[in-house]
Amino acid sequence: MIKMPRGDGTGPIWGGGPGSGRGRRMGRGMGRGIWSITPSNITPQPGQGQQLKAFVDEGKCIACGACARVCRTGAITVDNVAKIDLNRCIGCGDCVRVCPTEAITLKEYPGNK
């Protein structure tokens, strides 16, 4: 049996022990995965051709205000139902993720090209 030396964390050995390289990769932020680059943390800039806008299904909206609290551009106001100012909406989807009744959806908006 040949004993192979363990490396300094850069070797091709699978697993979590010494020689796996995980320590260095994690230290450099390489273990974050795809969830660190989602639309929720990307802010589209005006004039860059965004084509998605948020729309409210008024029959499902319970006027809880969660969407208005997370809207980074202040595009949402809530009285009896949520209203979205399409001129201010950047299509980030934050409101869609927090809506408890799934009343908000992102749809293509042809008027924003």
PDB file of N, CA and C in Angstrom:
ATOM      1  N   MET A   1       0.843  -1.174   0.000  1.00  0.00           N
ATOM      2  CA  MET A   1       0.000   0.000   0.000  1.00  0.00           C
ATOM      3  C   MET A   1       0.890   1.241   0.000  1.00  0.00           C
ATOM      4  N   ILE A   2       0.557   2.156  -0.885  1.00  0.00           N
ATOM      5  CA  ILE A   2       1.326   3.389  -0.986  1.00  0.00           C
ATOM      6  C   ILE A   2       0.591   4.479  -0.232  1.00  0.00           C
ATOM      7  N   LYS A   3       1.295   5.158   0.638  1.00  0.00           N
ATOM      8  CA  LYS A   3       0.685   6.268   1.375  1.00  0.00           C
ATOM      9  C   LYS A   3       0.962   7.555   0.619  1.00  0.00           C
ATOM     10  N   MET A   4      -0.117   8.243   0.276  1.00  0.00           N
ATOM     11  CA  MET A   4       0.009   9.510  -0.432  1.00  0.00           C
ATOM     12  C   MET A   4       0.031  10.642   0.594  1.00  0.00           C
ATOM     13  N   PRO A   5       0.910  11.605   0.413  1.00  0.00           N
ATOM     14  CA  PRO A   5       0.941  12.722   1.359  1.00  0.00           C
ATOM     15  C   PRO A   5      -0.290  13.605   1.199  1.00  0.00           C
ATOM     16  N   ARG A   6      -0.748  14.121   2.312  1.00  0.00           N
ATOM     17  CA  ARG A   6      -1.862  15.060   2.288  1.00  0.00           C
ATOM     18  C   ARG A   6      -1.313  16.435   1.967  1.00  0.00           C
ATOM     19  N   GLY A   7      -2.083  17.190   1.227  1.00  0.00           N
ATOM     20  CA  GLY A   7      -1.624  18.503   0.786  1.00  0.00           C
ATOM     21  C   GLY A   7      -1.925  19.616   1.766  1.00  0.00           C
ATOM     22  N   ASP A   8      -1.806  20.799   1.271  1.00  0.00           N
ATOM     23  CA  ASP A   8      -1.995  21.999   2.084  1.00  0.00           C
ATOM     24  C   ASP A   8      -3.374  22.614   1.887  1.00  0.00           C
ATOM     25  N   GLY A   9      -4.318  21.847   1.373  1.00  0.00           N
ATOM     26  CA  GLY A   9      -5.656  22.381   1.138  1.00  0.00           C
ATOM     27  C   GLY A   9      -5.915  22.713  -0.312  1.00  0.00           C
ATOM     28  N   THR A  10      -4.986  22.389  -1.187  1.00  0.00           N
ATOM     29  CA  THR A  10      -5.182  22.712  -2.595  1.00  0.00           C
ATOM     30  C   THR A  10      -5.299  21.476  -3.470  1.00  0.00           C
ATOM     31  N   GLY A  11      -5.182  20.304  -2.885  1.00  0.00           N
ATOM     32  CA  GLY A  11      -5.154  19.077  -3.681  1.00  0.00           C
ATOM     33  C   GLY A  11      -6.504  18.633  -4.179  1.00  0.00           C
ATOM     34  N   PRO A  12      -6.508  17.629  -5.055  1.00  0.00           N
ATOM     35  CA  PRO A  12      -7.737  17.149  -5.672  1.00  0.00           C
ATOM     36  C   PRO A  12      -8.462  16.080  -4.870  1.00  0.00           C
ATOM     37  N   ILE A  13      -8.192  15.963  -3.579  1.00  0.00           N
ATOM     38  CA  ILE A  13      -8.791  14.916  -2.762  1.00  0.00           C
ATOM     39  C   ILE A  13     -10.214  15.325  -2.391  1.00  0.00           C
ATOM     40  N   TRP A  14     -11.188  14.419  -2.604  1.00  0.00           N
ATOM     41  CA  TRP A  14     -12.585  14.722  -2.292  1.00  0.00           C
ATOM     42  C   TRP A  14     -12.830  14.557  -0.808  1.00  0.00           C
ATOM     43  N   GLY A  15     -13.786  15.272  -0.285  1.00  0.00           N
ATOM     44  CA  GLY A  15     -14.123  15.203   1.123  1.00  0.00           C
ATOM     45  C   GLY A  15     -13.828  16.510   1.811  1.00  0.00           C
ATOM     46  N   GLY A  16     -13.966  16.509   3.116  1.00  0.00           N
ATOM     47  CA  GLY A  16     -13.786  17.757   3.839  1.00  0.00           C
ATOM     48  C   GLY A  16     -12.514  17.838   4.648  1.00  0.00           C
ATOM     49  N   GLY A  17     -11.688  16.805   4.592  1.00  0.00           N
ATOM     50  CA  GLY A  17     -10.478  16.795   5.396  1.00  0.00           C
ATOM     51  C   GLY A  17      -9.356  17.606   4.791  1.00  0.00           C
ATOM     52  N   PRO A  18      -8.180  17.518   5.417  1.00  0.00           N
ATOM     53  CA  PRO A  18      -7.024  18.224   4.881  1.00  0.00           C
ATOM     54  C   PRO A  18      -6.745  17.771   3.451  1.00  0.00           C
ATOM     55  N   GLY A  19      -6.380  18.684   2.626  1.00  0.00           N
ATOM     56  CA  GLY A  19      -6.092  18.346   1.237  1.00  0.00           C
ATOM     57  C   GLY A  19      -7.285  18.503   0.321  1.00  0.00           C
ATOM     58  N   SER A  20      -8.434  18.890   0.886  1.00  0.00           N
ATOM     59  CA  SER A  20      -9.634  19.000   0.055  1.00  0.00           C
ATOM     60  C   SER A  20      -9.731  20.338  -0.657  1.00  0.00           C
ATOM     61  N   GLY A  21      -9.027  21.336  -0.164  1.00  0.00           N
ATOM     62  CA  GLY A  21      -9.080  22.644  -0.794  1.00  0.00           C
ATOM     63  C   GLY A  21     -10.257  23.487  -0.356  1.00  0.00           C
ATOM     64  N   ARG A  22     -11.129  22.929   0.446  1.00  0.00           N
ATOM     65  CA  ARG A  22     -12.328  23.674   0.842  1.00  0.00           C
ATOM     66  C   ARG A  22     -12.014  24.908   1.669  1.00  0.00           C
ATOM     67  N   GLY A  23     -11.019  24.805   2.528  1.00  0.00           N
ATOM     68  CA  GLY A  23     -10.691  25.948   3.372  1.00  0.00           C
ATOM     69  C   GLY A  23     -10.331  27.175   2.562  1.00  0.00           C
ATOM     70  N   ARG A  24      -9.497  27.006   1.569  1.00  0.00           N
ATOM     71  CA  ARG A  24      -9.092  28.141   0.746  1.00  0.00           C
ATOM     72  C   ARG A  24     -10.234  28.636  -0.125  1.00  0.00           C
ATOM     73  N   ARG A  25     -11.002  27.719  -0.700  1.00  0.00           N
ATOM     74  CA  ARG A  25     -12.116  28.149  -1.553  1.00  0.00           C
ATOM     75  C   ARG A  25     -13.154  28.900  -0.741  1.00  0.00           C
ATOM     76  N   MET A  26     -13.491  28.376   0.420  1.00  0.00           N
ATOM     77  CA  MET A  26     -14.487  29.038   1.259  1.00  0.00           C
ATOM     78  C   MET A  26     -13.974  30.393   1.730  1.00  0.00           C
ATOM     79  N   GLY A  27     -12.698  30.457   2.068  1.00  0.00           N
ATOM     80  CA  GLY A  27     -12.109  31.709   2.512  1.00  0.00           C
ATOM     81  C   GLY A  27     -12.135  32.780   1.439  1.00  0.00           C
ATOM     82  N   ARG A  28     -12.117  32.367   0.197  1.00  0.00           N
ATOM     83  CA  ARG A  28     -12.158  33.316  -0.914  1.00  0.00           C
ATOM     84  C   ARG A  28     -13.585  33.554  -1.401  1.00  0.00           C
ATOM     85  N   GLY A  29     -14.564  32.943  -0.739  1.00  0.00           N
ATOM     86  CA  GLY A  29     -15.955  33.158  -1.114  1.00  0.00           C
ATOM     87  C   GLY A  29     -16.410  32.320  -2.286  1.00  0.00           C
ATOM     88  N   MET A  30     -15.667  31.280  -2.623  1.00  0.00           N
ATOM     89  CA  MET A  30     -16.018  30.485  -3.791  1.00  0.00           C
ATOM     90  C   MET A  30     -17.049  29.412  -3.484  1.00  0.00           C
ATOM     91  N   GLY A  31     -17.486  29.303  -2.253  1.00  0.00           N
ATOM     92  CA  GLY A  31     -18.451  28.282  -1.897  1.00  0.00           C
ATOM     93  C   GLY A  31     -19.868  28.809  -1.798  1.00  0.00           C
ATOM     94  N   ARG A  32     -20.095  30.035  -2.255  1.00  0.00           N
ATOM     95  CA  ARG A  32     -21.418  30.638  -2.098  1.00  0.00           C
ATOM     96  C   ARG A  32     -22.462  30.019  -3.012  1.00  0.00           C
ATOM     97  N   GLY A  33     -22.104  29.602  -4.178  1.00  0.00           N
ATOM     98  CA  GLY A  33     -23.058  29.002  -5.092  1.00  0.00           C
ATOM     99  C   GLY A  33     -23.897  30.019  -5.836  1.00  0.00           C
ATOM    100  N   ILE A  34     -24.840  29.516  -6.590  1.00  0.00           N
ATOM    101  CA  ILE A  34     -25.647  30.351  -7.469  1.00  0.00           C
ATOM    102  C   ILE A  34     -26.580  31.280  -6.709  1.00  0.00           C
ATOM    103  N   TRP A  35     -26.943  30.948  -5.471  1.00  0.00           N
ATOM    104  CA  TRP A  35     -27.914  31.751  -4.734  1.00  0.00           C
ATOM    105  C   TRP A  35     -27.387  33.135  -4.380  1.00  0.00           C
ATOM    106  N   SER A  36     -26.082  33.352  -4.519  1.00  0.00           N
ATOM    107  CA  SER A  36     -25.560  34.679  -4.201  1.00  0.00           C
ATOM    108  C   SER A  36     -25.691  35.646  -5.370  1.00  0.00           C
ATOM    109  N   ILE A  37     -26.127  35.169  -6.531  1.00  0.00           N
ATOM    110  CA  ILE A  37     -26.293  36.062  -7.679  1.00  0.00           C
ATOM    111  C   ILE A  37     -27.686  35.904  -8.270  1.00  0.00           C
ATOM    112  N   THR A  38     -28.675  36.285  -7.490  1.00  0.00           N
ATOM    113  CA  THR A  38     -30.063  36.188  -7.929  1.00  0.00           C
ATOM    114  C   THR A  38     -30.594  37.563  -8.298  1.00  0.00           C
ATOM    115  N   PRO A  39     -31.710  37.609  -8.993  1.00  0.00           N
ATOM    116  CA  PRO A  39     -32.263  38.910  -9.360  1.00  0.00           C
ATOM    117  C   PRO A  39     -32.566  39.820  -8.178  1.00  0.00           C
ATOM    118  N   SER A  40     -32.742  39.265  -7.001  1.00  0.00           N
ATOM    119  CA  SER A  40     -33.065  40.114  -5.861  1.00  0.00           C
ATOM    120  C   SER A  40     -31.915  41.014  -5.444  1.00  0.00           C
ATOM    121  N   ASN A  41     -30.676  40.660  -5.806  1.00  0.00           N
ATOM    122  CA  ASN A  41     -29.582  41.542  -5.423  1.00  0.00           C
ATOM    123  C   ASN A  41     -28.927  42.209  -6.621  1.00  0.00           C
ATOM    124  N   ILE A  42     -29.604  42.218  -7.738  1.00  0.00           N
ATOM    125  CA  ILE A  42     -29.140  42.929  -8.921  1.00  0.00           C
ATOM    126  C   ILE A  42     -30.113  44.072  -9.168  1.00  0.00           C
ATOM    127  N   THR A  43     -29.621  45.279  -9.225  1.00  0.00           N
ATOM    128  CA  THR A  43     -30.489  46.429  -9.433  1.00  0.00           C
ATOM    129  C   THR A  43     -30.353  46.921 -10.862  1.00  0.00           C
ATOM    130  N   PRO A  44     -31.361  46.688 -11.700  1.00  0.00           N
ATOM    131  CA  PRO A  44     -31.302  47.204 -13.064  1.00  0.00           C
ATOM    132  C   PRO A  44     -31.261  48.725 -13.062  1.00  0.00           C
ATOM    133  N   GLN A  45     -30.573  49.300 -13.997  1.00  0.00           N
ATOM    134  CA  GLN A  45     -30.473  50.749 -14.118  1.00  0.00           C
ATOM    135  C   GLN A  45     -31.456  51.240 -15.177  1.00  0.00           C
ATOM    136  N   PRO A  46     -32.019  52.427 -14.996  1.00  0.00           N
ATOM    137  CA  PRO A  46     -32.942  52.966 -15.992  1.00  0.00           C
ATOM    138  C   PRO A  46     -32.293  53.027 -17.367  1.00  0.00           C
ATOM    139  N   GLY A  47     -33.073  52.685 -18.381  1.00  0.00           N
ATOM    140  CA  GLY A  47     -32.578  52.754 -19.749  1.00  0.00           C
ATOM    141  C   GLY A  47     -31.805  51.543 -20.209  1.00  0.00           C
ATOM    142  N   GLN A  48     -31.703  50.492 -19.388  1.00  0.00           N
ATOM    143  CA  GLN A  48     -30.967  49.308 -19.797  1.00  0.00           C
ATOM    144  C   GLN A  48     -31.882  48.238 -20.380  1.00  0.00           C
ATOM    145  N   GLY A  49     -33.086  48.599 -20.775  1.00  0.00           N
ATOM    146  CA  GLY A  49     -33.972  47.682 -21.474  1.00  0.00           C
ATOM    147  C   GLY A  49     -34.658  46.652 -20.606  1.00  0.00           C
ATOM    148  N   GLN A  50     -34.928  46.961 -19.336  1.00  0.00           N
ATOM    149  CA  GLN A  50     -35.670  46.027 -18.513  1.00  0.00           C
ATOM    150  C   GLN A  50     -37.022  45.778 -19.165  1.00  0.00           C
ATOM    151  N   GLN A  51     -37.483  44.557 -19.146  1.00  0.00           N
ATOM    152  CA  GLN A  51     -38.747  44.239 -19.794  1.00  0.00           C
ATOM    153  C   GLN A  51     -39.747  43.615 -18.837  1.00  0.00           C
ATOM    154  N   LEU A  52     -39.386  43.432 -17.571  1.00  0.00           N
ATOM    155  CA  LEU A  52     -40.313  42.848 -16.615  1.00  0.00           C
ATOM    156  C   LEU A  52     -40.833  43.921 -15.672  1.00  0.00           C
ATOM    157  N   LYS A  53     -42.106  43.815 -15.365  1.00  0.00           N
ATOM    158  CA  LYS A  53     -42.747  44.721 -14.412  1.00  0.00           C
ATOM    159  C   LYS A  53     -43.634  43.883 -13.503  1.00  0.00           C
ATOM    160  N   ALA A  54     -43.890  44.391 -12.303  1.00  0.00           N
ATOM    161  CA  ALA A  54     -44.753  43.699 -11.354  1.00  0.00           C
ATOM    162  C   ALA A  54     -46.203  44.124 -11.569  1.00  0.00           C
ATOM    163  N   PHE A  55     -47.087  43.138 -11.519  1.00  0.00           N
ATOM    164  CA  PHE A  55     -48.521  43.388 -11.670  1.00  0.00           C
ATOM    165  C   PHE A  55     -49.265  42.724 -10.518  1.00  0.00           C
ATOM    166  N   VAL A  56     -50.332  43.377 -10.042  1.00  0.00           N
ATOM    167  CA  VAL A  56     -51.098  42.894  -8.894  1.00  0.00           C
ATOM    168  C   VAL A  56     -52.422  42.300  -9.349  1.00  0.00           C
ATOM    169  N   ASP A  57     -52.734  41.097  -8.843  1.00  0.00           N
ATOM    170  CA  ASP A  57     -54.058  40.507  -9.019  1.00  0.00           C
ATOM    171  C   ASP A  57     -54.897  41.039  -7.854  1.00  0.00           C
ATOM    172  N   GLU A  58     -55.737  42.020  -8.128  1.00  0.00           N
ATOM    173  CA  GLU A  58     -56.487  42.693  -7.069  1.00  0.00           C
ATOM    174  C   GLU A  58     -57.421  41.754  -6.315  1.00  0.00           C
ATOM    175  N   GLY A  59     -57.828  40.660  -6.938  1.00  0.00           N
ATOM    176  CA  GLY A  59     -58.682  39.686  -6.266  1.00  0.00           C
ATOM    177  C   GLY A  59     -57.948  38.892  -5.194  1.00  0.00           C
ATOM    178  N   LYS A  60     -56.632  38.790  -5.304  1.00  0.00           N
ATOM    179  CA  LYS A  60     -55.834  38.050  -4.322  1.00  0.00           C
ATOM    180  C   LYS A  60     -55.196  38.951  -3.271  1.00  0.00           C
ATOM    181  N   CYS A  61     -55.052  40.231  -3.560  1.00  0.00           N
ATOM    182  CA  CYS A  61     -54.350  41.158  -2.668  1.00  0.00           C
ATOM    183  C   CYS A  61     -55.143  41.385  -1.381  1.00  0.00           C
ATOM    184  N   ILE A  62     -54.472  41.254  -0.230  1.00  0.00           N
ATOM    185  CA  ILE A  62     -55.114  41.489   1.070  1.00  0.00           C
ATOM    186  C   ILE A  62     -54.637  42.804   1.702  1.00  0.00           C
ATOM    187  N   ALA A  63     -53.920  43.612   0.948  1.00  0.00           N
ATOM    188  CA  ALA A  63     -53.444  44.935   1.381  1.00  0.00           C
ATOM    189  C   ALA A  63     -52.609  44.880   2.656  1.00  0.00           C
ATOM    190  N   CYS A  64     -51.756  43.869   2.772  1.00  0.00           N
ATOM    191  CA  CYS A  64     -50.931  43.725   3.978  1.00  0.00           C
ATOM    192  C   CYS A  64     -49.758  44.704   4.001  1.00  0.00           C
ATOM    193  N   GLY A  65     -49.332  45.179   2.834  1.00  0.00           N
ATOM    194  CA  GLY A  65     -48.251  46.157   2.768  1.00  0.00           C
ATOM    195  C   GLY A  65     -46.848  45.589   2.730  1.00  0.00           C
ATOM    196  N   ALA A  66     -46.711  44.264   2.741  1.00  0.00           N
ATOM    197  CA  ALA A  66     -45.371  43.659   2.713  1.00  0.00           C
ATOM    198  C   ALA A  66     -44.608  44.071   1.457  1.00  0.00           C
ATOM    199  N   CYS A  67     -45.297  44.130   0.348  1.00  0.00           N
ATOM    200  CA  CYS A  67     -44.661  44.494  -0.920  1.00  0.00           C
ATOM    201  C   CYS A  67     -44.141  45.928  -0.896  1.00  0.00           C
ATOM    202  N   ALA A  68     -44.924  46.831  -0.338  1.00  0.00           N
ATOM    203  CA  ALA A  68     -44.524  48.239  -0.274  1.00  0.00           C
ATOM    204  C   ALA A  68     -43.306  48.425   0.624  1.00  0.00           C
ATOM    205  N   ARG A  69     -43.217  47.626   1.687  1.00  0.00           N
ATOM    206  CA  ARG A  69     -42.081  47.744   2.605  1.00  0.00           C
ATOM    207  C   ARG A  69     -40.771  47.296   1.972  1.00  0.00           C
ATOM    208  N   VAL A  70     -40.816  46.320   1.060  1.00  0.00           N
ATOM    209  CA  VAL A  70     -39.563  45.836   0.460  1.00  0.00           C
ATOM    210  C   VAL A  70     -39.216  46.511  -0.856  1.00  0.00           C
ATOM    211  N   CYS A  71     -40.120  47.288  -1.411  1.00  0.00           N
ATOM    212  CA  CYS A  71     -39.867  47.906  -2.716  1.00  0.00           C
ATOM    213  C   CYS A  71     -38.738  48.927  -2.612  1.00  0.00           C
ATOM    214  N   ARG A  72     -37.649  48.665  -3.320  1.00  0.00           N
ATOM    215  CA  ARG A  72     -36.456  49.523  -3.229  1.00  0.00           C
ATOM    216  C   ARG A  72     -36.592  50.837  -3.984  1.00  0.00           C
ATOM    217  N   THR A  73     -37.614  50.975  -4.825  1.00  0.00           N
ATOM    218  CA  THR A  73     -37.791  52.220  -5.574  1.00  0.00           C
ATOM    219  C   THR A  73     -39.017  53.005  -5.133  1.00  0.00           C
ATOM    220  N   GLY A  74     -39.777  52.467  -4.180  1.00  0.00           N
ATOM    221  CA  GLY A  74     -40.980  53.153  -3.721  1.00  0.00           C
ATOM    222  C   GLY A  74     -42.094  53.141  -4.752  1.00  0.00           C
ATOM    223  N   ALA A  75     -42.111  52.124  -5.597  1.00  0.00           N
ATOM    224  CA  ALA A  75     -43.096  52.046  -6.679  1.00  0.00           C
ATOM    225  C   ALA A  75     -44.457  51.538  -6.221  1.00  0.00           C
ATOM    226  N   ILE A  76     -44.547  51.026  -4.991  1.00  0.00           N
ATOM    227  CA  ILE A  76     -45.797  50.401  -4.543  1.00  0.00           C
ATOM    228  C   ILE A  76     -46.437  51.206  -3.422  1.00  0.00           C
ATOM    229  N   THR A  77     -47.719  51.482  -3.585  1.00  0.00           N
ATOM    230  CA  THR A  77     -48.526  52.089  -2.527  1.00  0.00           C
ATOM    231  C   THR A  77     -49.678  51.139  -2.239  1.00  0.00           C
ATOM    232  N   VAL A  78     -50.156  51.165  -1.004  1.00  0.00           N
ATOM    233  CA  VAL A  78     -51.241  50.257  -0.619  1.00  0.00           C
ATOM    234  C   VAL A  78     -52.342  51.050   0.065  1.00  0.00           C
ATOM    235  N   ASP A  79     -53.538  51.006  -0.505  1.00  0.00           N
ATOM    236  CA  ASP A  79     -54.729  51.551   0.146  1.00  0.00           C
ATOM    237  C   ASP A  79     -55.638  50.356   0.420  1.00  0.00           C
ATOM    238  N   ASN A  80     -56.589  50.095  -0.462  1.00  0.00           N
ATOM    239  CA  ASN A  80     -57.415  48.889  -0.342  1.00  0.00           C
ATOM    240  C   ASN A  80     -56.731  47.698  -0.996  1.00  0.00           C
ATOM    241  N   VAL A  81     -55.907  47.973  -1.998  1.00  0.00           N
ATOM    242  CA  VAL A  81     -55.085  46.959  -2.668  1.00  0.00           C
ATOM    243  C   VAL A  81     -53.758  47.619  -3.042  1.00  0.00           C
ATOM    244  N   ALA A  82     -52.778  46.800  -3.339  1.00  0.00           N
ATOM    245  CA  ALA A  82     -51.476  47.326  -3.759  1.00  0.00           C
ATOM    246  C   ALA A  82     -51.581  47.899  -5.167  1.00  0.00           C
ATOM    247  N   LYS A  83     -50.965  49.039  -5.362  1.00  0.00           N
ATOM    248  CA  LYS A  83     -50.894  49.681  -6.685  1.00  0.00           C
ATOM    249  C   LYS A  83     -49.424  49.859  -7.024  1.00  0.00           C
ATOM    250  N   ILE A  84     -49.049  49.538  -8.258  1.00  0.00           N
ATOM    251  CA  ILE A  84     -47.653  49.624  -8.678  1.00  0.00           C
ATOM    252  C   ILE A  84     -47.496  50.694  -9.745  1.00  0.00           C
ATOM    253  N   ASP A  85     -46.587  51.618  -9.499  1.00  0.00           N
ATOM    254  CA  ASP A  85     -46.249  52.660 -10.465  1.00  0.00           C
ATOM    255  C   ASP A  85     -45.259  52.047 -11.457  1.00  0.00           C
ATOM    256  N   LEU A  86     -45.731  51.740 -12.659  1.00  0.00           N
ATOM    257  CA  LEU A  86     -44.896  51.059 -13.649  1.00  0.00           C
ATOM    258  C   LEU A  86     -43.715  51.904 -14.110  1.00  0.00           C
ATOM    259  N   ASN A  87     -43.798  53.207 -13.935  1.00  0.00           N
ATOM    260  CA  ASN A  87     -42.666  54.063 -14.292  1.00  0.00           C
ATOM    261  C   ASN A  87     -41.514  53.932 -13.304  1.00  0.00           C
ATOM    262  N   ARG A  88     -41.822  53.518 -12.075  1.00  0.00           N
ATOM    263  CA  ARG A  88     -40.786  53.367 -11.047  1.00  0.00           C
ATOM    264  C   ARG A  88     -40.371  51.919 -10.834  1.00  0.00           C
ATOM    265  N   CYS A  89     -41.203  50.963 -11.235  1.00  0.00           N
ATOM    266  CA  CYS A  89     -40.905  49.538 -11.045  1.00  0.00           C
ATOM    267  C   CYS A  89     -39.711  49.135 -11.908  1.00  0.00           C
ATOM    268  N   ILE A  90     -38.727  48.452 -11.291  1.00  0.00           N
ATOM    269  CA  ILE A  90     -37.549  47.990 -12.034  1.00  0.00           C
ATOM    270  C   ILE A  90     -37.584  46.484 -12.297  1.00  0.00           C
ATOM    271  N   GLY A  91     -38.650  45.820 -11.887  1.00  0.00           N
ATOM    272  CA  GLY A  91     -38.797  44.395 -12.166  1.00  0.00           C
ATOM    273  C   GLY A  91     -37.868  43.497 -11.375  1.00  0.00           C
ATOM    274  N   CYS A  92     -37.473  43.908 -10.172  1.00  0.00           N
ATOM    275  CA  CYS A  92     -36.517  43.123  -9.377  1.00  0.00           C
ATOM    276  C   CYS A  92     -37.142  41.867  -8.779  1.00  0.00           C
ATOM    277  N   GLY A  93     -38.454  41.871  -8.540  1.00  0.00           N
ATOM    278  CA  GLY A  93     -39.130  40.693  -8.013  1.00  0.00           C
ATOM    279  C   GLY A  93     -39.162  40.587  -6.500  1.00  0.00           C
ATOM    280  N   ASP A  94     -38.647  41.581  -5.781  1.00  0.00           N
ATOM    281  CA  ASP A  94     -38.685  41.521  -4.317  1.00  0.00           C
ATOM    282  C   ASP A  94     -40.116  41.423  -3.803  1.00  0.00           C
ATOM    283  N   CYS A  95     -41.026  42.184  -4.400  1.00  0.00           N
ATOM    284  CA  CYS A  95     -42.427  42.176  -3.973  1.00  0.00           C
ATOM    285  C   CYS A  95     -43.078  40.811  -4.219  1.00  0.00           C
ATOM    286  N   VAL A  96     -42.700  40.170  -5.296  1.00  0.00           N
ATOM    287  CA  VAL A  96     -43.249  38.848  -5.627  1.00  0.00           C
ATOM    288  C   VAL A  96     -42.874  37.849  -4.539  1.00  0.00           C
ATOM    289  N   ARG A  97     -41.627  37.898  -4.086  1.00  0.00           N
ATOM    290  CA  ARG A  97     -41.140  36.951  -3.086  1.00  0.00           C
ATOM    291  C   ARG A  97     -41.792  37.124  -1.717  1.00  0.00           C
ATOM    292  N   VAL A  98     -42.196  38.349  -1.351  1.00  0.00           N
ATOM    293  CA  VAL A  98     -42.752  38.554  -0.007  1.00  0.00           C
ATOM    294  C   VAL A  98     -44.272  38.502   0.049  1.00  0.00           C
ATOM    295  N   CYS A  99     -44.940  38.487  -1.075  1.00  0.00           N
ATOM    296  CA  CYS A  99     -46.403  38.505  -1.077  1.00  0.00           C
ATOM    297  C   CYS A  99     -46.957  37.186  -0.527  1.00  0.00           C
ATOM    298  N   PRO A 100     -47.704  37.236   0.597  1.00  0.00           N
ATOM    299  CA  PRO A 100     -48.196  35.998   1.206  1.00  0.00           C
ATOM    300  C   PRO A 100     -49.305  35.312   0.415  1.00  0.00           C
ATOM    301  N   THR A 101     -49.985  36.032  -0.468  1.00  0.00           N
ATOM    302  CA  THR A 101     -51.089  35.439  -1.223  1.00  0.00           C
ATOM    303  C   THR A 101     -50.753  35.220  -2.699  1.00  0.00           C
ATOM    304  N   GLU A 102     -49.502  35.469  -3.069  1.00  0.00           N
ATOM    305  CA  GLU A 102     -49.054  35.326  -4.464  1.00  0.00           C
ATOM    306  C   GLU A 102     -49.885  36.188  -5.411  1.00  0.00           C
ATOM    307  N   ALA A 103     -50.220  37.394  -4.942  1.00  0.00           N
ATOM    308  CA  ALA A 103     -51.030  38.308  -5.747  1.00  0.00           C
ATOM    309  C   ALA A 103     -50.195  39.090  -6.757  1.00  0.00           C
ATOM    310  N   ILE A 104     -48.875  39.090  -6.592  1.00  0.00           N
ATOM    311  CA  ILE A 104     -48.010  39.873  -7.481  1.00  0.00           C
ATOM    312  C   ILE A 104     -47.192  38.937  -8.357  1.00  0.00           C
ATOM    313  N   THR A 105     -47.162  39.246  -9.633  1.00  0.00           N
ATOM    314  CA  THR A 105     -46.360  38.469 -10.580  1.00  0.00           C
ATOM    315  C   THR A 105     -45.556  39.421 -11.458  1.00  0.00           C
ATOM    316  N   LEU A 106     -44.452  38.916 -11.980  1.00  0.00           N
ATOM    317  CA  LEU A 106     -43.665  39.680 -12.949  1.00  0.00           C
ATOM    318  C   LEU A 106     -44.099  39.264 -14.337  1.00  0.00           C
ATOM    319  N   LYS A 107     -44.343  40.252 -15.168  1.00  0.00           N
ATOM    320  CA  LYS A 107     -44.756  39.979 -16.544  1.00  0.00           C
ATOM    321  C   LYS A 107     -43.971  40.873 -17.485  1.00  0.00           C
ATOM    322  N   GLU A 108     -43.867  40.429 -18.723  1.00  0.00           N
ATOM    323  CA  GLU A 108     -43.224  41.269 -19.728  1.00  0.00           C
ATOM    324  C   GLU A 108     -44.072  42.504 -19.963  1.00  0.00           C
ATOM    325  N   TYR A 109     -43.408  43.630 -20.100  1.00  0.00           N
ATOM    326  CA  TYR A 109     -44.093  44.902 -20.282  1.00  0.00           C
ATOM    327  C   TYR A 109     -43.538  45.563 -21.534  1.00  0.00           C
ATOM    328  N   PRO A 110     -44.278  45.519 -22.634  1.00  0.00           N
ATOM    329  CA  PRO A 110     -43.761  46.032 -23.905  1.00  0.00           C
ATOM    330  C   PRO A 110     -43.531  47.534 -23.927  1.00  0.00           C
ATOM    331  N   GLY A 111     -44.124  48.274 -23.006  1.00  0.00           N
ATOM    332  CA  GLY A 111     -43.953  49.722 -22.999  1.00  0.00           C
ATOM    333  C   GLY A 111     -42.639  50.176 -22.412  1.00  0.00           C
ATOM    334  N   ASN A 112     -41.750  49.243 -22.067  1.00  0.00           N
ATOM    335  CA  ASN A 112     -40.495  49.603 -21.404  1.00  0.00           C
ATOM    336  C   ASN A 112     -39.301  49.128 -22.207  1.00  0.00           C
ATOM    337  N   LYS A 113     -39.139  49.641 -23.405  1.00  0.00           N
ATOM    338  CA  LYS A 113     -38.000  49.215 -24.218  1.00  0.00           C
ATOM    339  C   LYS A 113     -37.136  50.384 -24.532  1.00  0.00           C
TER     340      LYS A 113
END
